Amino acid sequence: MRRSIAVIALALLLVFSFAPCLNAEPATVRVSVHVNDIQQVSLRTHSFYADMYIGFRWSDPTLRPAKTITWMNPTAVQR
């Protein structure tokens, strides 16, 4: 009996602790991309090299979009 009450209390605590997050509006992050150059386009391997700048603009101080961005198959080339 005590165990079931503890489980129910824990479940209620978790639900109410995350309640403010459920009603929050999504944050707006503006992303800009400036492409300088695209080279070595390969239709066979579905790849290319691009020289570009990526910028982020946001107002929420808790966000860190530059640290949480995910790159698909990145390759850094040094000249």
C-alpha atoms as a PDB file:
ATOM      1  CA  MET A   1       0.000   0.000   0.000  1.00  0.00           C
ATOM      2  CA  ARG A   2       2.768   2.429   0.919  1.00  0.00           C
ATOM      3  CA  ARG A   3       4.635   1.596  -2.260  1.00  0.00           C
ATOM      4  CA  SER A   4       1.629   2.349  -4.478  1.00  0.00           C
ATOM      5  CA  ILE A   5       1.059   5.673  -2.690  1.00  0.00           C
ATOM      6  CA  ALA A   6       4.730   6.558  -3.193  1.00  0.00           C
ATOM      7  CA  VAL A   7       4.513   5.698  -6.903  1.00  0.00           C
ATOM      8  CA  ILE A   8       1.371   7.810  -7.323  1.00  0.00           C
ATOM      9  CA  ALA A   9       2.958  10.719  -5.440  1.00  0.00           C
ATOM     10  CA  LEU A  10       6.066  10.505  -7.615  1.00  0.00           C
ATOM     11  CA  ALA A  11       3.967  10.413 -10.794  1.00  0.00           C
ATOM     12  CA  LEU A  12       1.983  13.479  -9.701  1.00  0.00           C
ATOM     13  CA  LEU A  13       5.182  15.300  -8.790  1.00  0.00           C
ATOM     14  CA  LEU A  14       6.629  14.613 -12.242  1.00  0.00           C
ATOM     15  CA  VAL A  15       3.451  15.679 -14.037  1.00  0.00           C
ATOM     16  CA  PHE A  16       3.166  18.958 -12.143  1.00  0.00           C
ATOM     17  CA  SER A  17       6.872  19.746 -12.382  1.00  0.00           C
ATOM     18  CA  PHE A  18       6.736  19.562 -16.198  1.00  0.00           C
ATOM     19  CA  ALA A  19       3.390  21.365 -16.511  1.00  0.00           C
ATOM     20  CA  PRO A  20       4.912  24.839 -17.130  1.00  0.00           C
ATOM     21  CA  CYS A  21       6.946  23.404 -20.016  1.00  0.00           C
ATOM     22  CA  LEU A  22       3.864  21.974 -21.683  1.00  0.00           C
ATOM     23  CA  ASN A  23       2.166  25.374 -21.984  1.00  0.00           C
ATOM     24  CA  ALA A  24       5.284  27.233 -23.150  1.00  0.00           C
ATOM     25  CA  GLU A  25       5.376  28.789 -26.588  1.00  0.00           C
ATOM     26  CA  PRO A  26       8.106  27.548 -28.927  1.00  0.00           C
ATOM     27  CA  ALA A  27      11.077  29.874 -29.224  1.00  0.00           C
ATOM     28  CA  THR A  28      11.845  31.547 -32.520  1.00  0.00           C
ATOM     29  CA  VAL A  29      15.339  31.153 -33.929  1.00  0.00           C
ATOM     30  CA  ARG A  30      16.141  32.816 -37.241  1.00  0.00           C
ATOM     31  CA  VAL A  31      18.745  31.061 -39.348  1.00  0.00           C
ATOM     32  CA  SER A  32      20.609  32.694 -42.206  1.00  0.00           C
ATOM     33  CA  VAL A  33      22.873  30.990 -44.735  1.00  0.00           C
ATOM     34  CA  HIS A  34      25.259  32.782 -47.047  1.00  0.00           C
ATOM     35  CA  VAL A  35      26.741  30.468 -49.682  1.00  0.00           C
ATOM     36  CA  ASN A  36      30.075  31.699 -51.045  1.00  0.00           C
ATOM     37  CA  ASP A  37      30.951  28.809 -53.319  1.00  0.00           C
ATOM     38  CA  ILE A  38      29.856  25.272 -54.243  1.00  0.00           C
ATOM     39  CA  GLN A  39      32.435  22.924 -55.752  1.00  0.00           C
ATOM     40  CA  GLN A  40      32.966  19.293 -56.702  1.00  0.00           C
ATOM     41  CA  VAL A  41      29.314  18.392 -57.179  1.00  0.00           C
ATOM     42  CA  SER A  42      29.055  14.623 -57.621  1.00  0.00           C
ATOM     43  CA  LEU A  43      25.784  13.104 -58.775  1.00  0.00           C
ATOM     44  CA  ARG A  44      27.252   9.634 -58.316  1.00  0.00           C
ATOM     45  CA  THR A  45      28.041  10.047 -54.593  1.00  0.00           C
ATOM     46  CA  HIS A  46      25.398  12.706 -53.874  1.00  0.00           C
ATOM     47  CA  SER A  47      27.990  15.031 -52.388  1.00  0.00           C
ATOM     48  CA  PHE A  48      29.470  18.480 -52.802  1.00  0.00           C
ATOM     49  CA  TYR A  49      31.793  20.921 -51.070  1.00  0.00           C
ATOM     50  CA  ALA A  50      30.370  24.254 -49.982  1.00  0.00           C
ATOM     51  CA  ASP A  51      31.965  27.362 -48.532  1.00  0.00           C
ATOM     52  CA  MET A  52      29.288  29.105 -46.486  1.00  0.00           C
ATOM     53  CA  TYR A  53      28.446  31.113 -43.404  1.00  0.00           C
ATOM     54  CA  ILE A  54      25.585  30.177 -41.074  1.00  0.00           C
ATOM     55  CA  GLY A  55      24.146  32.704 -38.628  1.00  0.00           C
ATOM     56  CA  PHE A  56      21.594  32.420 -35.818  1.00  0.00           C
ATOM     57  CA  ARG A  57      19.480  35.144 -34.220  1.00  0.00           C
ATOM     58  CA  TRP A  58      17.308  34.590 -31.144  1.00  0.00           C
ATOM     59  CA  SER A  59      16.116  36.470 -28.057  1.00  0.00           C
ATOM     60  CA  ASP A  60      15.803  33.677 -25.454  1.00  0.00           C
ATOM     61  CA  PRO A  61      19.043  33.699 -23.383  1.00  0.00           C
ATOM     62  CA  THR A  62      18.655  30.022 -22.456  1.00  0.00           C
ATOM     63  CA  LEU A  63      18.944  28.842 -26.057  1.00  0.00           C
ATOM     64  CA  ARG A  64      22.255  27.739 -27.567  1.00  0.00           C
ATOM     65  CA  PRO A  65      21.444  26.866 -31.210  1.00  0.00           C
ATOM     66  CA  ALA A  66      25.068  26.980 -32.311  1.00  0.00           C
ATOM     67  CA  LYS A  67      25.933  24.279 -29.759  1.00  0.00           C
ATOM     68  CA  THR A  68      22.957  22.028 -30.500  1.00  0.00           C
ATOM     69  CA  ILE A  69      22.999  22.050 -34.310  1.00  0.00           C
ATOM     70  CA  THR A  70      23.350  18.639 -35.949  1.00  0.00           C
ATOM     71  CA  TRP A  71      25.360  18.245 -39.146  1.00  0.00           C
ATOM     72  CA  MET A  72      24.632  15.339 -41.468  1.00  0.00           C
ATOM     73  CA  ASN A  73      27.894  13.810 -42.794  1.00  0.00           C
ATOM     74  CA  PRO A  74      30.145  16.843 -42.234  1.00  0.00           C
ATOM     75  CA  THR A  75      33.605  17.027 -43.741  1.00  0.00           C
ATOM     76  CA  ALA A  76      36.052  19.799 -42.988  1.00  0.00           C
ATOM     77  CA  VAL A  77      38.551  20.571 -45.716  1.00  0.00           C
ATOM     78  CA  GLN A  78      41.600  22.697 -45.013  1.00  0.00           C
ATOM     79  CA  ARG A  79      43.465  24.361 -47.862  1.00  0.00           C
END
